[in-house]
Amino acid sequence: MGKTNEVAGKVRQAAGKAVDNDEEQAKGAAQEVKGKAQVAKGDAKDAVKKVVDKA
């Protein structure tokens, strides 16, 4: 889900820029950040799981 939001946000930003719509660009940037946060959360979750599995 994170990568999907990240890519969708980039597309939304580009579309907003193409039609000179600052609001869409901002919404796209926010969606991209949300996606990056979701990816980071998933990575952290995986790292913790690996540590727990080794214990």
PDB file of N, CA and C in Angstrom:
ATOM      1  N   MET A   1       0.825  -1.200   0.000  1.00  0.00           N
ATOM      2  CA  MET A   1       0.000   0.000   0.000  1.00  0.00           C
ATOM      3  C   MET A   1       0.868   1.263   0.000  1.00  0.00           C
ATOM      4  N   GLY A   2       2.003   1.193   0.680  1.00  0.00           N
ATOM      5  CA  GLY A   2       2.871   2.360   0.757  1.00  0.00           C
ATOM      6  C   GLY A   2       3.397   2.794  -0.598  1.00  0.00           C
ATOM      7  N   LYS A   3       3.917   1.833  -1.361  1.00  0.00           N
ATOM      8  CA  LYS A   3       4.452   2.164  -2.687  1.00  0.00           C
ATOM      9  C   LYS A   3       3.349   2.684  -3.601  1.00  0.00           C
ATOM     10  N   THR A   4       2.153   2.138  -3.450  1.00  0.00           N
ATOM     11  CA  THR A   4       1.025   2.588  -4.268  1.00  0.00           C
ATOM     12  C   THR A   4       0.730   4.057  -3.989  1.00  0.00           C
ATOM     13  N   ASN A   5       0.671   4.427  -2.711  1.00  0.00           N
ATOM     14  CA  ASN A   5       0.425   5.826  -2.350  1.00  0.00           C
ATOM     15  C   ASN A   5       1.559   6.723  -2.822  1.00  0.00           C
ATOM     16  N   GLU A   6       2.776   6.216  -2.710  1.00  0.00           N
ATOM     17  CA  GLU A   6       3.936   6.995  -3.131  1.00  0.00           C
ATOM     18  C   GLU A   6       3.856   7.320  -4.629  1.00  0.00           C
ATOM     19  N   VAL A   7       3.596   6.308  -5.437  1.00  0.00           N
ATOM     20  CA  VAL A   7       3.511   6.499  -6.889  1.00  0.00           C
ATOM     21  C   VAL A   7       2.293   7.349  -7.256  1.00  0.00           C
ATOM     22  N   ALA A   8       1.162   7.068  -6.628  1.00  0.00           N
ATOM     23  CA  ALA A   8      -0.050   7.844  -6.914  1.00  0.00           C
ATOM     24  C   ALA A   8       0.159   9.315  -6.564  1.00  0.00           C
ATOM     25  N   GLY A   9       0.864   9.563  -5.476  1.00  0.00           N
ATOM     26  CA  GLY A   9       1.155  10.938  -5.088  1.00  0.00           C
ATOM     27  C   GLY A   9       2.008  11.653  -6.118  1.00  0.00           C
ATOM     28  N   LYS A  10       3.003  10.946  -6.644  1.00  0.00           N
ATOM     29  CA  LYS A  10       3.858  11.541  -7.678  1.00  0.00           C
ATOM     30  C   LYS A  10       3.048  11.854  -8.935  1.00  0.00           C
ATOM     31  N   VAL A  11       2.175  10.939  -9.302  1.00  0.00           N
ATOM     32  CA  VAL A  11       1.328  11.152 -10.480  1.00  0.00           C
ATOM     33  C   VAL A  11       0.402  12.345 -10.247  1.00  0.00           C
ATOM     34  N   ARG A  12      -0.170  12.410  -9.056  1.00  0.00           N
ATOM     35  CA  ARG A  12      -1.091  13.504  -8.731  1.00  0.00           C
ATOM     36  C   ARG A  12      -0.364  14.851  -8.759  1.00  0.00           C
ATOM     37  N   GLN A  13       0.865  14.862  -8.252  1.00  0.00           N
ATOM     38  CA  GLN A  13       1.653  16.097  -8.295  1.00  0.00           C
ATOM     39  C   GLN A  13       1.912  16.528  -9.734  1.00  0.00           C
ATOM     40  N   ALA A  14       2.290  15.575 -10.569  1.00  0.00           N
ATOM     41  CA  ALA A  14       2.575  15.880 -11.975  1.00  0.00           C
ATOM     42  C   ALA A  14       1.327  16.388 -12.686  1.00  0.00           C
ATOM     43  N   ALA A  15       0.197  15.761 -12.396  1.00  0.00           N
ATOM     44  CA  ALA A  15      -1.057  16.195 -13.014  1.00  0.00           C
ATOM     45  C   ALA A  15      -1.408  17.609 -12.557  1.00  0.00           C
ATOM     46  N   GLY A  16      -1.230  17.871 -11.274  1.00  0.00           N
ATOM     47  CA  GLY A  16      -1.499  19.206 -10.756  1.00  0.00           C
ATOM     48  C   GLY A  16      -0.599  20.256 -11.385  1.00  0.00           C
ATOM     49  N   LYS A  17       0.665  19.882 -11.559  1.00  0.00           N
ATOM     50  CA  LYS A  17       1.613  20.808 -12.187  1.00  0.00           C
ATOM     51  C   LYS A  17       1.234  21.054 -13.647  1.00  0.00           C
ATOM     52  N   ALA A  18       0.808  19.997 -14.334  1.00  0.00           N
ATOM     53  CA  ALA A  18       0.453  20.109 -15.752  1.00  0.00           C
ATOM     54  C   ALA A  18      -0.711  21.066 -15.979  1.00  0.00           C
ATOM     55  N   VAL A  19      -1.654  21.087 -15.036  1.00  0.00           N
ATOM     56  CA  VAL A  19      -2.816  21.967 -15.192  1.00  0.00           C
ATOM     57  C   VAL A  19      -2.721  23.203 -14.295  1.00  0.00           C
ATOM     58  N   ASP A  20      -1.527  23.418 -13.722  1.00  0.00           N
ATOM     59  CA  ASP A  20      -1.263  24.577 -12.864  1.00  0.00           C
ATOM     60  C   ASP A  20      -2.233  24.646 -11.682  1.00  0.00           C
ATOM     61  N   ASN A  21      -2.385  23.508 -10.995  1.00  0.00           N
ATOM     62  CA  ASN A  21      -3.285  23.422  -9.847  1.00  0.00           C
ATOM     63  C   ASN A  21      -2.455  23.143  -8.595  1.00  0.00           C
ATOM     64  N   ASP A  22      -2.206  24.202  -7.820  1.00  0.00           N
ATOM     65  CA  ASP A  22      -1.373  24.081  -6.622  1.00  0.00           C
ATOM     66  C   ASP A  22      -1.975  23.143  -5.585  1.00  0.00           C
ATOM     67  N   GLU A  23      -3.299  23.132  -5.479  1.00  0.00           N
ATOM     68  CA  GLU A  23      -3.962  22.273  -4.491  1.00  0.00           C
ATOM     69  C   GLU A  23      -3.711  20.796  -4.803  1.00  0.00           C
ATOM     70  N   GLU A  24      -3.824  20.420  -6.061  1.00  0.00           N
ATOM     71  CA  GLU A  24      -3.573  19.023  -6.450  1.00  0.00           C
ATOM     72  C   GLU A  24      -2.109  18.658  -6.245  1.00  0.00           C
ATOM     73  N   GLN A  25      -1.217  19.593  -6.518  1.00  0.00           N
ATOM     74  CA  GLN A  25       0.204  19.343  -6.286  1.00  0.00           C
ATOM     75  C   GLN A  25       0.456  19.079  -4.805  1.00  0.00           C
ATOM     76  N   ALA A  26      -0.170  19.874  -3.943  1.00  0.00           N
ATOM     77  CA  ALA A  26      -0.001  19.710  -2.501  1.00  0.00           C
ATOM     78  C   ALA A  26      -0.601  18.390  -2.026  1.00  0.00           C
ATOM     79  N   LYS A  27      -1.773  18.057  -2.544  1.00  0.00           N
ATOM     80  CA  LYS A  27      -2.395  16.784  -2.172  1.00  0.00           C
ATOM     81  C   LYS A  27      -1.529  15.617  -2.631  1.00  0.00           C
ATOM     82  N   GLY A  28      -0.945  15.741  -3.796  1.00  0.00           N
ATOM     83  CA  GLY A  28      -0.054  14.701  -4.301  1.00  0.00           C
ATOM     84  C   GLY A  28       1.181  14.556  -3.438  1.00  0.00           C
ATOM     85  N   ALA A  29       1.747  15.678  -3.023  1.00  0.00           N
ATOM     86  CA  ALA A  29       2.928  15.641  -2.159  1.00  0.00           C
ATOM     87  C   ALA A  29       2.591  14.978  -0.831  1.00  0.00           C
ATOM     88  N   ALA A  30       1.431  15.311  -0.281  1.00  0.00           N
ATOM     89  CA  ALA A  30       1.005  14.705   0.984  1.00  0.00           C
ATOM     90  C   ALA A  30       0.803  13.201   0.827  1.00  0.00           C
ATOM     91  N   GLN A  31       0.222  12.796  -0.277  1.00  0.00           N
ATOM     92  CA  GLN A  31      -0.009  11.370  -0.520  1.00  0.00           C
ATOM     93  C   GLN A  31       1.326  10.638  -0.683  1.00  0.00           C
ATOM     94  N   GLU A  32       2.284  11.281  -1.338  1.00  0.00           N
ATOM     95  CA  GLU A  32       3.602  10.672  -1.513  1.00  0.00           C
ATOM     96  C   GLU A  32       4.287  10.488  -0.157  1.00  0.00           C
ATOM     97  N   VAL A  33       4.209  11.502   0.695  1.00  0.00           N
ATOM     98  CA  VAL A  33       4.802  11.411   2.035  1.00  0.00           C
ATOM     99  C   VAL A  33       4.127  10.304   2.835  1.00  0.00           C
ATOM    100  N   LYS A  34       2.818  10.207   2.721  1.00  0.00           N
ATOM    101  CA  LYS A  34       2.076   9.141   3.406  1.00  0.00           C
ATOM    102  C   LYS A  34       2.585   7.774   2.950  1.00  0.00           C
ATOM    103  N   GLY A  35       2.786   7.620   1.665  1.00  0.00           N
ATOM    104  CA  GLY A  35       3.289   6.361   1.126  1.00  0.00           C
ATOM    105  C   GLY A  35       4.673   6.036   1.646  1.00  0.00           C
ATOM    106  N   LYS A  36       5.542   7.042   1.687  1.00  0.00           N
ATOM    107  CA  LYS A  36       6.900   6.829   2.198  1.00  0.00           C
ATOM    108  C   LYS A  36       6.863   6.429   3.669  1.00  0.00           C
ATOM    109  N   ALA A  37       5.963   7.034   4.430  1.00  0.00           N
ATOM    110  CA  ALA A  37       5.826   6.684   5.845  1.00  0.00           C
ATOM    111  C   ALA A  37       5.333   5.250   6.002  1.00  0.00           C
ATOM    112  N   GLN A  38       4.406   4.843   5.156  1.00  0.00           N
ATOM    113  CA  GLN A  38       3.901   3.471   5.212  1.00  0.00           C
ATOM    114  C   GLN A  38       5.005   2.470   4.888  1.00  0.00           C
ATOM    115  N   VAL A  39       5.839   2.803   3.915  1.00  0.00           N
ATOM    116  CA  VAL A  39       6.956   1.924   3.557  1.00  0.00           C
ATOM    117  C   VAL A  39       7.930   1.835   4.728  1.00  0.00           C
ATOM    118  N   ALA A  40       8.245   2.975   5.333  1.00  0.00           N
ATOM    119  CA  ALA A  40       9.172   2.993   6.466  1.00  0.00           C
ATOM    120  C   ALA A  40       8.618   2.184   7.635  1.00  0.00           C
ATOM    121  N   LYS A  41       7.331   2.307   7.882  1.00  0.00           N
ATOM    122  CA  LYS A  41       6.695   1.545   8.961  1.00  0.00           C
ATOM    123  C   LYS A  41       6.808   0.047   8.684  1.00  0.00           C
ATOM    124  N   GLY A  42       6.560  -0.340   7.456  1.00  0.00           N
ATOM    125  CA  GLY A  42       6.664  -1.749   7.085  1.00  0.00           C
ATOM    126  C   GLY A  42       8.083  -2.265   7.229  1.00  0.00           C
ATOM    127  N   ASP A  43       9.059  -1.448   6.830  1.00  0.00           N
ATOM    128  CA  ASP A  43      10.463  -1.840   6.960  1.00  0.00           C
ATOM    129  C   ASP A  43      10.848  -2.011   8.426  1.00  0.00           C
ATOM    130  N   ALA A  44      10.393  -1.088   9.269  1.00  0.00           N
ATOM    131  CA  ALA A  44      10.695  -1.174  10.695  1.00  0.00           C
ATOM    132  C   ALA A  44      10.050  -2.411  11.307  1.00  0.00           C
ATOM    133  N   LYS A  45       8.835  -2.676  10.907  1.00  0.00           N
ATOM    134  CA  LYS A  45       8.114  -3.853  11.398  1.00  0.00           C
ATOM    135  C   LYS A  45       8.865  -5.131  11.024  1.00  0.00           C
ATOM    136  N   ASP A  46       9.356  -5.194   9.789  1.00  0.00           N
ATOM    137  CA  ASP A  46      10.117  -6.358   9.331  1.00  0.00           C
ATOM    138  C   ASP A  46      11.415  -6.513  10.117  1.00  0.00           C
ATOM    139  N   ALA A  47      12.084  -5.391  10.394  1.00  0.00           N
ATOM    140  CA  ALA A  47      13.340  -5.442  11.144  1.00  0.00           C
ATOM    141  C   ALA A  47      13.113  -5.967  12.553  1.00  0.00           C
ATOM    142  N   VAL A  48      12.047  -5.510  13.198  1.00  0.00           N
ATOM    143  CA  VAL A  48      11.729  -5.980  14.549  1.00  0.00           C
ATOM    144  C   VAL A  48      11.401  -7.466  14.516  1.00  0.00           C
ATOM    145  N   LYS A  49      10.659  -7.880  13.522  1.00  0.00           N
ATOM    146  CA  LYS A  49      10.301  -9.299  13.408  1.00  0.00           C
ATOM    147  C   LYS A  49      11.550 -10.162  13.258  1.00  0.00           C
ATOM    148  N   LYS A  50      12.517  -9.710  12.462  1.00  0.00           N
ATOM    149  CA  LYS A  50      13.760 -10.465  12.284  1.00  0.00           C
ATOM    150  C   LYS A  50      14.515 -10.597  13.604  1.00  0.00           C
ATOM    151  N   VAL A  51      14.557  -9.513  14.373  1.00  0.00           N
ATOM    152  CA  VAL A  51      15.250  -9.540  15.665  1.00  0.00           C
ATOM    153  C   VAL A  51      14.544 -10.493  16.616  1.00  0.00           C
ATOM    154  N   VAL A  52      13.229 -10.437  16.654  1.00  0.00           N
ATOM    155  CA  VAL A  52      12.450 -11.306  17.539  1.00  0.00           C
ATOM    156  C   VAL A  52      12.611 -12.762  17.121  1.00  0.00           C
ATOM    157  N   ASP A  53      12.612 -13.022  15.832  1.00  0.00           N
ATOM    158  CA  ASP A  53      12.760 -14.392  15.340  1.00  0.00           C
ATOM    159  C   ASP A  53      14.127 -14.977  15.682  1.00  0.00           C
ATOM    160  N   LYS A  54      15.161 -14.127  15.745  1.00  0.00           N
ATOM    161  CA  LYS A  54      16.504 -14.601  16.086  1.00  0.00           C
ATOM    162  C   LYS A  54      16.640 -14.903  17.570  1.00  0.00           C
ATOM    163  N   ALA A  55      15.807 -14.280  18.391  1.00  0.00           N
ATOM    164  CA  ALA A  55      15.911 -14.436  19.851  1.00  0.00           C
ATOM    165  C   ALA A  55      15.406 -15.772  20.328  1.00  0.00           C
TER     166      ALA A  55
END
